[in-house]
């Protein structure tokens, strides 16, 4: 798609991602804007892990950014658009979380979801050992495995709504990542070193990204829900 081939594409993609959740933040049934004081500290906590991780992997060429699709401003090796990604994507996903909780039962039966969380933790731990020579796979799967294991132990009442939000959020997340990995452009915005991933892809998206999304959302939602209950 030739009209997508320019230096502000990543930035425009982030603005598009933000547009609907931001426009609906003042909708009277959700009042999402009233929860921003809980949301942004939760996003910041997640960024304390994900930004250094991103910088480290960029430094070690686990992934790299195509200069044809970014404006050129970088902070600690990362394009400014990448910093924006870690704000806008969870902002939009927690909007989905709030909408789902409003229209559907928030406190789903948690026991079965704790079992699912434990099973996924074991499965990811197995694959992180099996593919320990793949740096992205190892780090992503092991961190997600540990987080899911802790989640299964605590078994909070929001565990079911978390998994529901994750599954629904995967649809727009994979669409956005499809743009980032070159599904709709001549070249990817983000390219991955084949030596550091399993090689299984959803369209052009490494399977690791689905667990990356899960971990990112889990950190944000866990912090957000804890702040909500103590508020």
C-alpha atoms as a PDB file:
ATOM      1  CA  UNK A   1       0.000   0.000   0.000  1.00  0.00           C
ATOM      2  CA  UNK A   2       1.922   2.995  -1.301  1.00  0.00           C
ATOM      3  CA  UNK A   3       0.049   5.603   0.766  1.00  0.00           C
ATOM      4  CA  UNK A   4       1.370   3.942   3.938  1.00  0.00           C
ATOM      5  CA  UNK A   5       5.003   4.357   2.932  1.00  0.00           C
ATOM      6  CA  UNK A   6       6.140   7.433   4.882  1.00  0.00           C
ATOM      7  CA  UNK A   7       8.078   8.433   8.001  1.00  0.00           C
ATOM      8  CA  UNK A   8       5.019   9.175  10.130  1.00  0.00           C
ATOM      9  CA  UNK A   9       3.261   5.875   9.553  1.00  0.00           C
ATOM     10  CA  UNK A  10       4.035   4.385  13.006  1.00  0.00           C
ATOM     11  CA  UNK A  11       2.925   7.637  14.673  1.00  0.00           C
ATOM     12  CA  UNK A  12      -0.313   7.773  12.650  1.00  0.00           C
ATOM     13  CA  UNK A  13      -0.964   4.120  13.492  1.00  0.00           C
ATOM     14  CA  UNK A  14      -0.739   4.966  17.197  1.00  0.00           C
ATOM     15  CA  UNK A  15      -3.092   7.946  16.800  1.00  0.00           C
ATOM     16  CA  UNK A  16      -5.586   5.697  15.013  1.00  0.00           C
ATOM     17  CA  UNK A  17      -5.337   3.151  17.854  1.00  0.00           C
ATOM     18  CA  UNK A  18      -6.015   5.873  20.415  1.00  0.00           C
ATOM     19  CA  UNK A  19      -8.830   7.639  18.566  1.00  0.00           C
ATOM     20  CA  UNK A  20     -11.896   5.559  19.470  1.00  0.00           C
ATOM     21  CA  UNK A  21     -11.063   4.795  23.148  1.00  0.00           C
ATOM     22  CA  UNK A  22     -10.189   8.446  23.733  1.00  0.00           C
ATOM     23  CA  UNK A  23     -13.357   9.694  22.015  1.00  0.00           C
ATOM     24  CA  UNK A  24     -15.474   7.303  24.109  1.00  0.00           C
ATOM     25  CA  UNK A  25     -13.691   8.029  27.396  1.00  0.00           C
ATOM     26  CA  UNK A  26     -16.397  10.533  28.340  1.00  0.00           C
ATOM     27  CA  UNK A  27     -19.299   8.234  27.456  1.00  0.00           C
ATOM     28  CA  UNK A  28     -21.764   8.368  30.356  1.00  0.00           C
ATOM     29  CA  UNK A  29     -22.055   4.650  31.001  1.00  0.00           C
ATOM     30  CA  UNK A  30     -18.314   3.999  31.239  1.00  0.00           C
ATOM     31  CA  UNK A  31     -16.818   7.333  32.412  1.00  0.00           C
ATOM     32  CA  UNK A  32     -13.389   5.993  31.489  1.00  0.00           C
ATOM     33  CA  UNK A  33     -11.723   9.359  32.053  1.00  0.00           C
ATOM     34  CA  UNK A  34     -12.553   9.169  35.764  1.00  0.00           C
ATOM     35  CA  UNK A  35     -10.320   6.089  36.034  1.00  0.00           C
ATOM     36  CA  UNK A  36      -7.248   7.599  34.400  1.00  0.00           C
ATOM     37  CA  UNK A  37      -5.770   8.373  37.831  1.00  0.00           C
ATOM     38  CA  UNK A  38      -5.645   4.595  38.406  1.00  0.00           C
ATOM     39  CA  UNK A  39      -4.715   3.694  34.857  1.00  0.00           C
ATOM     40  CA  UNK A  40      -1.632   5.794  34.175  1.00  0.00           C
ATOM     41  CA  UNK A  41       0.335   4.708  37.283  1.00  0.00           C
ATOM     42  CA  UNK A  42      -0.457   1.113  36.257  1.00  0.00           C
ATOM     43  CA  UNK A  43       0.866   1.766  32.758  1.00  0.00           C
ATOM     44  CA  UNK A  44       3.970   3.411  34.214  1.00  0.00           C
ATOM     45  CA  UNK A  45       4.699   0.345  36.351  1.00  0.00           C
ATOM     46  CA  UNK A  46       4.472  -1.881  33.274  1.00  0.00           C
ATOM     47  CA  UNK A  47       6.803   0.452  31.363  1.00  0.00           C
ATOM     48  CA  UNK A  48       9.442   0.100  34.092  1.00  0.00           C
ATOM     49  CA  UNK A  49       9.853  -3.483  32.877  1.00  0.00           C
ATOM     50  CA  UNK A  50       9.019  -3.221  29.200  1.00  0.00           C
ATOM     51  CA  UNK A  51      11.053  -0.133  28.270  1.00  0.00           C
ATOM     52  CA  UNK A  52      14.414  -1.476  29.571  1.00  0.00           C
ATOM     53  CA  UNK A  53      13.551  -4.820  27.963  1.00  0.00           C
ATOM     54  CA  UNK A  54      12.857  -3.064  24.665  1.00  0.00           C
ATOM     55  CA  UNK A  55      16.083  -1.031  24.873  1.00  0.00           C
ATOM     56  CA  UNK A  56      18.131  -4.133  25.688  1.00  0.00           C
ATOM     57  CA  UNK A  57      16.665  -6.152  22.827  1.00  0.00           C
ATOM     58  CA  UNK A  58      17.144  -3.267  20.409  1.00  0.00           C
ATOM     59  CA  UNK A  59      20.777  -2.964  21.509  1.00  0.00           C
ATOM     60  CA  UNK A  60      21.334  -6.695  21.002  1.00  0.00           C
ATOM     61  CA  UNK A  61      19.519  -6.632  17.619  1.00  0.00           C
ATOM     62  CA  UNK A  62      16.814  -9.051  18.730  1.00  0.00           C
ATOM     63  CA  UNK A  63      14.561  -6.656  16.837  1.00  0.00           C
ATOM     64  CA  UNK A  64      15.096  -3.434  14.941  1.00  0.00           C
ATOM     65  CA  UNK A  65      13.056  -0.512  13.646  1.00  0.00           C
ATOM     66  CA  UNK A  66      12.806   0.529  10.007  1.00  0.00           C
ATOM     67  CA  UNK A  67      13.790   4.188   9.637  1.00  0.00           C
ATOM     68  CA  UNK A  68      11.440   4.527   6.636  1.00  0.00           C
ATOM     69  CA  UNK A  69       8.383   4.406   8.927  1.00  0.00           C
ATOM     70  CA  UNK A  70       9.472   6.420  11.966  1.00  0.00           C
ATOM     71  CA  UNK A  71       9.927  10.167  12.408  1.00  0.00           C
ATOM     72  CA  UNK A  72      13.550   9.804  13.493  1.00  0.00           C
ATOM     73  CA  UNK A  73      13.336  10.986  17.109  1.00  0.00           C
ATOM     74  CA  UNK A  74      14.830   8.370  19.437  1.00  0.00           C
ATOM     75  CA  UNK A  75      15.104   8.173  23.216  1.00  0.00           C
ATOM     76  CA  UNK A  76      17.548   5.551  24.548  1.00  0.00           C
ATOM     77  CA  UNK A  77      17.678   3.740  21.187  1.00  0.00           C
ATOM     78  CA  UNK A  78      13.883   3.558  20.920  1.00  0.00           C
ATOM     79  CA  UNK A  79      11.824   5.571  18.419  1.00  0.00           C
ATOM     80  CA  UNK A  80       9.500   8.007  20.163  1.00  0.00           C
ATOM     81  CA  UNK A  81       6.624   6.066  18.589  1.00  0.00           C
ATOM     82  CA  UNK A  82       7.695   2.977  20.538  1.00  0.00           C
ATOM     83  CA  UNK A  83       7.411   4.869  23.825  1.00  0.00           C
ATOM     84  CA  UNK A  84       3.959   6.026  22.730  1.00  0.00           C
ATOM     85  CA  UNK A  85       3.045   2.402  21.908  1.00  0.00           C
ATOM     86  CA  UNK A  86       3.451   1.417  25.569  1.00  0.00           C
ATOM     87  CA  UNK A  87       0.990   4.114  26.614  1.00  0.00           C
ATOM     88  CA  UNK A  88      -1.634   3.941  23.883  1.00  0.00           C
ATOM     89  CA  UNK A  89      -1.960   0.156  23.534  1.00  0.00           C
ATOM     90  CA  UNK A  90      -2.659  -0.542  27.243  1.00  0.00           C
ATOM     91  CA  UNK A  91      -4.837   2.593  27.394  1.00  0.00           C
ATOM     92  CA  UNK A  92      -6.970   1.130  24.601  1.00  0.00           C
ATOM     93  CA  UNK A  93      -6.969  -2.391  26.053  1.00  0.00           C
ATOM     94  CA  UNK A  94      -8.099  -1.233  29.498  1.00  0.00           C
ATOM     95  CA  UNK A  95     -10.894   0.664  27.764  1.00  0.00           C
ATOM     96  CA  UNK A  96     -11.954  -2.704  26.306  1.00  0.00           C
ATOM     97  CA  UNK A  97     -11.653  -4.169  29.819  1.00  0.00           C
ATOM     98  CA  UNK A  98     -13.999  -1.539  31.255  1.00  0.00           C
ATOM     99  CA  UNK A  99     -16.537  -1.923  28.445  1.00  0.00           C
ATOM    100  CA  UNK A 100     -16.615  -5.714  28.832  1.00  0.00           C
ATOM    101  CA  UNK A 101     -16.981  -5.405  32.605  1.00  0.00           C
ATOM    102  CA  UNK A 102     -19.870  -2.962  32.172  1.00  0.00           C
ATOM    103  CA  UNK A 103     -21.876  -5.038  29.714  1.00  0.00           C
ATOM    104  CA  UNK A 104     -20.992  -8.493  31.033  1.00  0.00           C
ATOM    105  CA  UNK A 105     -20.416 -10.117  34.410  1.00  0.00           C
ATOM    106  CA  UNK A 106     -17.174  -8.791  35.905  1.00  0.00           C
ATOM    107  CA  UNK A 107     -16.570 -11.431  38.565  1.00  0.00           C
ATOM    108  CA  UNK A 108     -16.495 -14.622  36.542  1.00  0.00           C
ATOM    109  CA  UNK A 109     -16.074 -17.953  38.356  1.00  0.00           C
ATOM    110  CA  UNK A 110     -12.370 -17.845  39.133  1.00  0.00           C
ATOM    111  CA  UNK A 111     -11.413 -21.436  40.026  1.00  0.00           C
ATOM    112  CA  UNK A 112     -11.358 -22.735  36.445  1.00  0.00           C
ATOM    113  CA  UNK A 113      -9.412 -19.675  35.254  1.00  0.00           C
ATOM    114  CA  UNK A 114      -6.801 -20.282  37.948  1.00  0.00           C
ATOM    115  CA  UNK A 115      -6.365 -23.780  36.518  1.00  0.00           C
ATOM    116  CA  UNK A 116      -6.011 -22.340  33.015  1.00  0.00           C
ATOM    117  CA  UNK A 117      -3.437 -19.868  34.309  1.00  0.00           C
ATOM    118  CA  UNK A 118      -1.451 -22.648  36.002  1.00  0.00           C
ATOM    119  CA  UNK A 119      -1.568 -24.858  32.896  1.00  0.00           C
ATOM    120  CA  UNK A 120      -0.366 -22.003  30.671  1.00  0.00           C
ATOM    121  CA  UNK A 121       2.419 -21.249  33.159  1.00  0.00           C
ATOM    122  CA  UNK A 122       3.672 -24.849  32.986  1.00  0.00           C
ATOM    123  CA  UNK A 123       3.373 -24.921  29.191  1.00  0.00           C
ATOM    124  CA  UNK A 124       5.291 -21.667  28.759  1.00  0.00           C
ATOM    125  CA  UNK A 125       7.959 -22.788  31.232  1.00  0.00           C
ATOM    126  CA  UNK A 126       8.429 -25.949  29.163  1.00  0.00           C
ATOM    127  CA  UNK A 127       8.793 -24.012  25.909  1.00  0.00           C
ATOM    128  CA  UNK A 128      11.132 -21.457  27.486  1.00  0.00           C
ATOM    129  CA  UNK A 129      13.473 -24.326  28.420  1.00  0.00           C
ATOM    130  CA  UNK A 130      13.006 -26.067  25.073  1.00  0.00           C
ATOM    131  CA  UNK A 131      13.880 -22.880  23.184  1.00  0.00           C
ATOM    132  CA  UNK A 132      16.348 -21.441  25.690  1.00  0.00           C
ATOM    133  CA  UNK A 133      18.705 -20.562  22.817  1.00  0.00           C
ATOM    134  CA  UNK A 134      16.076 -18.132  21.438  1.00  0.00           C
ATOM    135  CA  UNK A 135      16.454 -14.964  23.497  1.00  0.00           C
ATOM    136  CA  UNK A 136      13.024 -13.426  22.821  1.00  0.00           C
ATOM    137  CA  UNK A 137      11.291 -16.759  23.388  1.00  0.00           C
ATOM    138  CA  UNK A 138      13.230 -17.435  26.582  1.00  0.00           C
ATOM    139  CA  UNK A 139      12.664 -14.035  28.186  1.00  0.00           C
ATOM    140  CA  UNK A 140       9.059 -13.580  27.055  1.00  0.00           C
ATOM    141  CA  UNK A 141       7.852 -17.088  27.885  1.00  0.00           C
ATOM    142  CA  UNK A 142       9.687 -17.348  31.215  1.00  0.00           C
ATOM    143  CA  UNK A 143       8.458 -13.953  32.484  1.00  0.00           C
ATOM    144  CA  UNK A 144       4.905 -14.689  31.351  1.00  0.00           C
ATOM    145  CA  UNK A 145       5.080 -18.172  32.882  1.00  0.00           C
ATOM    146  CA  UNK A 146       6.178 -16.767  36.240  1.00  0.00           C
ATOM    147  CA  UNK A 147       3.455 -14.104  36.162  1.00  0.00           C
ATOM    148  CA  UNK A 148       0.740 -16.626  35.305  1.00  0.00           C
ATOM    149  CA  UNK A 149       1.950 -18.974  38.036  1.00  0.00           C
ATOM    150  CA  UNK A 150       1.692 -16.167  40.606  1.00  0.00           C
ATOM    151  CA  UNK A 151      -1.741 -15.283  39.205  1.00  0.00           C
ATOM    152  CA  UNK A 152      -2.920 -18.890  39.652  1.00  0.00           C
ATOM    153  CA  UNK A 153      -1.768 -18.865  43.284  1.00  0.00           C
ATOM    154  CA  UNK A 154      -3.488 -15.602  44.189  1.00  0.00           C
ATOM    155  CA  UNK A 155      -6.572 -16.398  42.071  1.00  0.00           C
ATOM    156  CA  UNK A 156      -8.061 -12.854  42.287  1.00  0.00           C
ATOM    157  CA  UNK A 157     -11.744 -12.318  41.527  1.00  0.00           C
ATOM    158  CA  UNK A 158     -10.815 -10.450  38.315  1.00  0.00           C
ATOM    159  CA  UNK A 159      -8.862 -13.368  36.813  1.00  0.00           C
ATOM    160  CA  UNK A 160     -11.754 -14.386  34.538  1.00  0.00           C
ATOM    161  CA  UNK A 161     -12.353 -10.860  33.292  1.00  0.00           C
ATOM    162  CA  UNK A 162      -8.605 -10.540  32.640  1.00  0.00           C
ATOM    163  CA  UNK A 163      -8.577 -13.549  30.315  1.00  0.00           C
ATOM    164  CA  UNK A 164     -11.733 -12.290  28.595  1.00  0.00           C
ATOM    165  CA  UNK A 165     -10.138  -8.882  28.041  1.00  0.00           C
ATOM    166  CA  UNK A 166      -6.958 -10.511  26.758  1.00  0.00           C
ATOM    167  CA  UNK A 167      -8.782 -12.651  24.198  1.00  0.00           C
ATOM    168  CA  UNK A 168     -10.856  -9.723  22.913  1.00  0.00           C
ATOM    169  CA  UNK A 169      -7.828  -7.395  22.898  1.00  0.00           C
ATOM    170  CA  UNK A 170      -5.856  -9.901  20.831  1.00  0.00           C
ATOM    171  CA  UNK A 171      -7.978  -8.994  17.803  1.00  0.00           C
ATOM    172  CA  UNK A 172      -6.960  -5.302  17.598  1.00  0.00           C
ATOM    173  CA  UNK A 173      -3.495  -6.105  18.982  1.00  0.00           C
ATOM    174  CA  UNK A 174      -2.792  -8.569  16.172  1.00  0.00           C
ATOM    175  CA  UNK A 175      -4.181  -6.106  13.642  1.00  0.00           C
ATOM    176  CA  UNK A 176      -1.870  -3.337  14.881  1.00  0.00           C
ATOM    177  CA  UNK A 177       1.043  -5.767  15.062  1.00  0.00           C
ATOM    178  CA  UNK A 178       0.191  -6.861  11.546  1.00  0.00           C
ATOM    179  CA  UNK A 179       0.920  -3.323  10.412  1.00  0.00           C
ATOM    180  CA  UNK A 180       4.106  -3.232  12.489  1.00  0.00           C
ATOM    181  CA  UNK A 181       5.416  -6.504  11.068  1.00  0.00           C
ATOM    182  CA  UNK A 182       4.759  -5.691   7.423  1.00  0.00           C
ATOM    183  CA  UNK A 183       1.451  -7.383   6.641  1.00  0.00           C
ATOM    184  CA  UNK A 184       0.171  -4.241   4.912  1.00  0.00           C
ATOM    185  CA  UNK A 185       3.360  -2.366   3.994  1.00  0.00           C
ATOM    186  CA  UNK A 186       6.215  -3.106   1.620  1.00  0.00           C
ATOM    187  CA  UNK A 187       8.576  -3.603   4.570  1.00  0.00           C
ATOM    188  CA  UNK A 188       8.004  -4.146   8.310  1.00  0.00           C
ATOM    189  CA  UNK A 189       8.277  -1.315  10.808  1.00  0.00           C
ATOM    190  CA  UNK A 190       9.677  -3.825  13.303  1.00  0.00           C
ATOM    191  CA  UNK A 191      11.732  -6.789  12.116  1.00  0.00           C
ATOM    192  CA  UNK A 192      12.835  -9.710  14.280  1.00  0.00           C
ATOM    193  CA  UNK A 193      16.126 -11.570  14.309  1.00  0.00           C
ATOM    194  CA  UNK A 194      15.259 -15.125  13.254  1.00  0.00           C
ATOM    195  CA  UNK A 195      17.911 -16.484  15.640  1.00  0.00           C
ATOM    196  CA  UNK A 196      15.948 -15.272  18.651  1.00  0.00           C
ATOM    197  CA  UNK A 197      12.390 -16.460  17.897  1.00  0.00           C
ATOM    198  CA  UNK A 198      10.815 -19.886  17.390  1.00  0.00           C
ATOM    199  CA  UNK A 199       9.713 -18.977  13.881  1.00  0.00           C
ATOM    200  CA  UNK A 200       6.000 -19.737  14.274  1.00  0.00           C
ATOM    201  CA  UNK A 201       4.046 -16.712  13.063  1.00  0.00           C
ATOM    202  CA  UNK A 202       0.432 -15.569  12.973  1.00  0.00           C
ATOM    203  CA  UNK A 203       0.485 -13.984   9.512  1.00  0.00           C
ATOM    204  CA  UNK A 204       3.764 -12.041   9.964  1.00  0.00           C
ATOM    205  CA  UNK A 205       3.584 -11.808  13.754  1.00  0.00           C
ATOM    206  CA  UNK A 206       5.901 -13.978  15.891  1.00  0.00           C
ATOM    207  CA  UNK A 207       3.949 -16.217  18.258  1.00  0.00           C
ATOM    208  CA  UNK A 208       5.980 -14.700  21.102  1.00  0.00           C
ATOM    209  CA  UNK A 209       4.152 -11.396  20.607  1.00  0.00           C
ATOM    210  CA  UNK A 210       0.887 -12.952  21.788  1.00  0.00           C
ATOM    211  CA  UNK A 211       2.514 -13.755  25.143  1.00  0.00           C
ATOM    212  CA  UNK A 212       4.211 -10.352  25.174  1.00  0.00           C
ATOM    213  CA  UNK A 213       0.725  -8.848  24.954  1.00  0.00           C
ATOM    214  CA  UNK A 214      -0.559 -11.124  27.724  1.00  0.00           C
ATOM    215  CA  UNK A 215       2.257 -10.144  30.089  1.00  0.00           C
ATOM    216  CA  UNK A 216       1.850  -6.450  29.338  1.00  0.00           C
ATOM    217  CA  UNK A 217      -1.897  -6.580  30.006  1.00  0.00           C
ATOM    218  CA  UNK A 218      -1.506  -8.724  33.109  1.00  0.00           C
ATOM    219  CA  UNK A 219       0.840  -6.238  34.772  1.00  0.00           C
ATOM    220  CA  UNK A 220      -1.403  -3.292  33.927  1.00  0.00           C
ATOM    221  CA  UNK A 221      -4.692  -4.967  34.881  1.00  0.00           C
ATOM    222  CA  UNK A 222      -3.314  -6.462  38.111  1.00  0.00           C
ATOM    223  CA  UNK A 223      -2.098  -3.034  39.243  1.00  0.00           C
ATOM    224  CA  UNK A 224      -5.227  -1.291  37.967  1.00  0.00           C
ATOM    225  CA  UNK A 225      -7.601  -3.697  39.733  1.00  0.00           C
ATOM    226  CA  UNK A 226      -5.624  -3.535  42.976  1.00  0.00           C
ATOM    227  CA  UNK A 227      -5.779   0.258  42.920  1.00  0.00           C
ATOM    228  CA  UNK A 228      -9.497   0.117  42.078  1.00  0.00           C
ATOM    229  CA  UNK A 229     -10.342  -2.061  45.080  1.00  0.00           C
ATOM    230  CA  UNK A 230      -8.247   0.010  47.483  1.00  0.00           C
ATOM    231  CA  UNK A 231      -9.602   3.328  46.173  1.00  0.00           C
END
